[in-house]
N, C-alpha and C. Protein backbone atom coordinates (compact mmCIF):
# COMPACT_ATOMS: atom_id res chain seq x y z
N UNK A 1 19.14 -90.83 -186.69
CA UNK A 1 18.28 -90.42 -187.12
C UNK A 1 17.39 -90.45 -186.68
N UNK A 2 15.77 -89.33 -186.54
CA UNK A 2 14.69 -89.04 -185.76
C UNK A 2 13.59 -89.21 -186.79
N UNK A 3 12.68 -89.85 -186.33
CA UNK A 3 11.59 -89.58 -187.32
C UNK A 3 9.92 -89.70 -186.34
N UNK A 4 9.03 -88.67 -187.21
CA UNK A 4 7.84 -88.70 -186.55
C UNK A 4 7.07 -89.11 -187.80
N UNK A 5 5.45 -89.67 -187.16
CA UNK A 5 4.68 -90.07 -188.26
C UNK A 5 3.37 -89.14 -187.65
N UNK A 6 2.77 -88.36 -188.51
CA UNK A 6 1.79 -87.62 -188.40
C UNK A 6 0.54 -87.89 -188.82
N UNK A 7 -0.66 -87.78 -188.58
CA UNK A 7 -1.90 -88.58 -188.87
C UNK A 7 -2.99 -87.37 -189.00
N UNK A 8 -3.55 -87.14 -189.85
CA UNK A 8 -4.71 -85.94 -189.71
C UNK A 8 -6.11 -86.25 -190.66
N UNK A 9 -6.91 -85.85 -190.20
CA UNK A 9 -8.07 -85.54 -191.18
C UNK A 9 -8.41 -84.44 -192.28
N UNK A 10 -6.89 -83.77 -192.06
CA UNK A 10 -7.05 -82.65 -193.01
C UNK A 10 -5.67 -82.46 -193.74
N UNK A 11 -6.06 -82.91 -194.99
CA UNK A 11 -4.97 -82.57 -196.15
C UNK A 11 -4.39 -81.17 -196.31
N UNK A 12 -5.47 -80.22 -195.82
CA UNK A 12 -4.66 -78.97 -195.73
C UNK A 12 -3.78 -78.53 -194.90
N UNK A 13 -3.69 -79.39 -193.35
CA UNK A 13 -3.07 -79.08 -192.62
C UNK A 13 -1.54 -79.80 -192.74
N UNK A 14 -2.03 -81.18 -193.35
CA UNK A 14 -0.61 -82.22 -193.80
C UNK A 14 0.01 -81.26 -195.28
N UNK A 15 -0.83 -81.03 -196.07
CA UNK A 15 0.12 -80.12 -197.08
C UNK A 15 1.00 -78.99 -196.36
N UNK A 16 0.31 -78.36 -195.45
CA UNK A 16 1.28 -76.97 -194.30
C UNK A 16 2.51 -78.02 -193.73
N UNK A 17 1.97 -78.83 -193.09
CA UNK A 17 3.30 -79.56 -192.75
C UNK A 17 4.78 -79.85 -193.18
N UNK A 18 4.05 -80.30 -194.11
CA UNK A 18 5.16 -81.15 -195.61
C UNK A 18 5.77 -79.71 -195.91
N UNK A 19 5.06 -78.34 -196.35
CA UNK A 19 5.55 -77.57 -197.06
C UNK A 19 6.75 -77.12 -195.92
N UNK A 20 6.48 -76.82 -194.40
CA UNK A 20 7.35 -75.98 -193.46
C UNK A 20 8.49 -77.46 -193.27
N UNK A 21 8.34 -78.87 -193.28
CA UNK A 21 9.34 -79.35 -193.30
C UNK A 21 10.27 -79.26 -194.39
N UNK A 22 9.58 -79.46 -195.96
CA UNK A 22 10.85 -78.77 -196.73
C UNK A 22 11.59 -77.26 -196.45
N UNK A 23 11.12 -76.43 -196.08
CA UNK A 23 11.56 -75.33 -195.65
C UNK A 23 12.77 -75.43 -195.07
N UNK A 24 12.60 -76.12 -194.08
CA UNK A 24 13.82 -76.42 -192.83
C UNK A 24 14.68 -77.33 -193.70
N UNK A 25 14.24 -78.05 -194.81
CA UNK A 25 15.46 -79.21 -195.54
C UNK A 25 15.39 -80.51 -194.92
N UNK A 26 13.88 -80.64 -194.27
CA UNK A 26 13.58 -81.91 -193.44
C UNK A 26 13.13 -82.83 -194.31
N UNK A 27 13.57 -83.98 -194.80
CA UNK A 27 12.81 -85.00 -195.70
C UNK A 27 11.49 -85.34 -195.08
N UNK A 28 10.29 -85.44 -196.02
CA UNK A 28 9.38 -85.86 -195.48
C UNK A 28 8.66 -86.62 -196.64
N UNK A 29 7.85 -87.41 -196.53
CA UNK A 29 6.63 -88.45 -197.13
C UNK A 29 5.47 -88.14 -197.06
N UNK A 30 4.32 -88.17 -197.91
CA UNK A 30 2.97 -88.41 -197.80
C UNK A 30 2.72 -89.70 -198.05
N UNK A 31 2.21 -90.60 -197.06
CA UNK A 31 1.90 -92.15 -197.44
C UNK A 31 0.35 -91.97 -197.88
N UNK A 32 -0.14 -92.99 -198.61
CA UNK A 32 -1.13 -93.08 -198.74
C UNK A 32 -1.80 -94.59 -197.68
N UNK A 33 -2.76 -94.92 -197.87
CA UNK A 33 -3.49 -96.03 -196.94
C UNK A 33 -2.64 -97.22 -197.00
N UNK A 34 -2.15 -97.68 -198.00
CA UNK A 34 -1.96 -98.69 -197.89
C UNK A 34 -0.43 -98.62 -197.53
N UNK A 35 0.35 -97.89 -197.83
CA UNK A 35 1.42 -97.78 -197.54
C UNK A 35 2.01 -97.51 -195.76
N UNK A 36 0.82 -96.69 -195.15
CA UNK A 36 0.78 -96.44 -193.83
C UNK A 36 -0.02 -97.95 -193.46
N UNK A 37 -0.44 -98.63 -193.75
CA UNK A 37 -0.94 -100.02 -193.81
C UNK A 37 0.41 -100.89 -194.06
N UNK A 38 1.18 -100.96 -194.52
CA UNK A 38 2.28 -101.61 -194.65
C UNK A 38 3.45 -101.26 -193.35
N UNK A 39 3.61 -100.37 -193.22
CA UNK A 39 4.57 -99.77 -192.47
C UNK A 39 4.06 -100.16 -190.90
N UNK A 40 2.57 -100.04 -190.80
CA UNK A 40 2.43 -100.42 -189.46
C UNK A 40 2.32 -102.09 -189.49
N UNK A 41 2.24 -102.76 -190.01
CA UNK A 41 2.08 -103.85 -189.99
C UNK A 41 3.81 -104.17 -190.39
N UNK A 42 4.72 -103.75 -190.48
CA UNK A 42 5.99 -103.83 -190.04
C UNK A 42 6.19 -103.99 -189.08
N UNK A 43 5.85 -102.87 -188.49
CA UNK A 43 6.24 -102.08 -187.01
C UNK A 43 6.07 -103.50 -186.11
N UNK A 44 4.25 -104.08 -186.36
CA UNK A 44 4.00 -105.24 -185.41
C UNK A 44 4.43 -106.34 -185.66
N UNK A 45 5.05 -106.68 -186.66
CA UNK A 45 5.92 -107.70 -186.66
C UNK A 45 7.25 -107.78 -186.09
N UNK A 46 7.61 -106.60 -185.83
CA UNK A 46 9.11 -106.32 -185.24
C UNK A 46 8.80 -106.60 -184.23
N UNK A 47 7.76 -106.24 -183.38
CA UNK A 47 7.55 -105.94 -182.22
C UNK A 47 7.18 -107.27 -181.65
N UNK A 48 6.17 -108.23 -182.73
CA UNK A 48 6.09 -109.72 -182.00
C UNK A 48 6.52 -110.23 -182.24
N UNK A 49 8.23 -110.38 -182.90
CA UNK A 49 9.21 -111.04 -183.60
C UNK A 49 9.83 -112.00 -181.88
N UNK A 50 10.35 -112.75 -181.99
CA UNK A 50 11.01 -113.65 -180.67
C UNK A 50 12.03 -114.75 -181.26
N UNK A 51 11.89 -114.94 -182.46
CA UNK A 51 13.46 -115.44 -182.76
C UNK A 51 12.88 -117.02 -182.17
N UNK A 52 12.10 -117.32 -182.08
CA UNK A 52 11.62 -118.95 -181.79
C UNK A 52 10.86 -119.56 -182.29
N UNK A 53 10.72 -120.58 -182.55
CA UNK A 53 10.21 -121.55 -183.52
C UNK A 53 8.71 -121.95 -182.82
N UNK A 54 8.18 -122.05 -183.62
CA UNK A 54 6.36 -121.86 -182.86
C UNK A 54 6.46 -123.56 -183.85
N UNK A 55 5.66 -124.43 -183.46
CA UNK A 55 5.07 -125.26 -184.11
C UNK A 55 3.64 -125.33 -184.48
N UNK A 56 3.28 -125.33 -185.87
CA UNK A 56 2.00 -124.90 -186.30
C UNK A 56 1.21 -125.69 -185.78
N UNK A 57 1.01 -126.59 -185.62
CA UNK A 57 0.24 -127.80 -185.25
C UNK A 57 -0.42 -127.40 -183.82
N UNK A 58 0.53 -127.21 -183.05
CA UNK A 58 0.51 -126.71 -181.30
C UNK A 58 -0.23 -125.18 -181.32
N UNK A 59 0.28 -124.70 -181.86
CA UNK A 59 -0.40 -123.10 -181.96
C UNK A 59 -1.94 -123.03 -182.63
N UNK A 60 -2.13 -123.77 -183.70
CA UNK A 60 -3.32 -123.96 -184.21
C UNK A 60 -4.18 -124.50 -183.48
N UNK A 61 -4.16 -125.69 -182.75
CA UNK A 61 -4.91 -126.32 -181.67
C UNK A 61 -5.25 -125.07 -180.21
N UNK A 62 -4.02 -124.86 -180.17
CA UNK A 62 -4.59 -123.81 -178.89
C UNK A 62 -5.37 -122.64 -179.16
N UNK A 63 -5.27 -122.27 -180.75
CA UNK A 63 -6.15 -120.94 -180.79
C UNK A 63 -7.31 -121.61 -181.34
N UNK A 64 -7.68 -122.53 -181.43
CA UNK A 64 -8.85 -123.49 -182.06
C UNK A 64 -9.37 -123.71 -180.50
N UNK A 65 -8.80 -123.83 -179.64
CA UNK A 65 -9.29 -124.19 -178.04
C UNK A 65 -10.09 -123.16 -177.61
N UNK A 66 -9.91 -122.04 -177.97
CA UNK A 66 -9.95 -120.88 -177.29
C UNK A 66 -11.81 -120.47 -177.59
């Protein structure tokens, strides 16, 4: 499965793209600002995941000293 994410200031253009996708049999979903934020946060979490334990005290001391 492939996916694209489109962002536009024009509601008219997004609605047109959604209609074209529907006619082509492509599943699509319009996201509100909260859904978009949650999606992007999920991507950031996955990208930053190291599967390593982080000592909280050492981490906090490191960011406080910057």
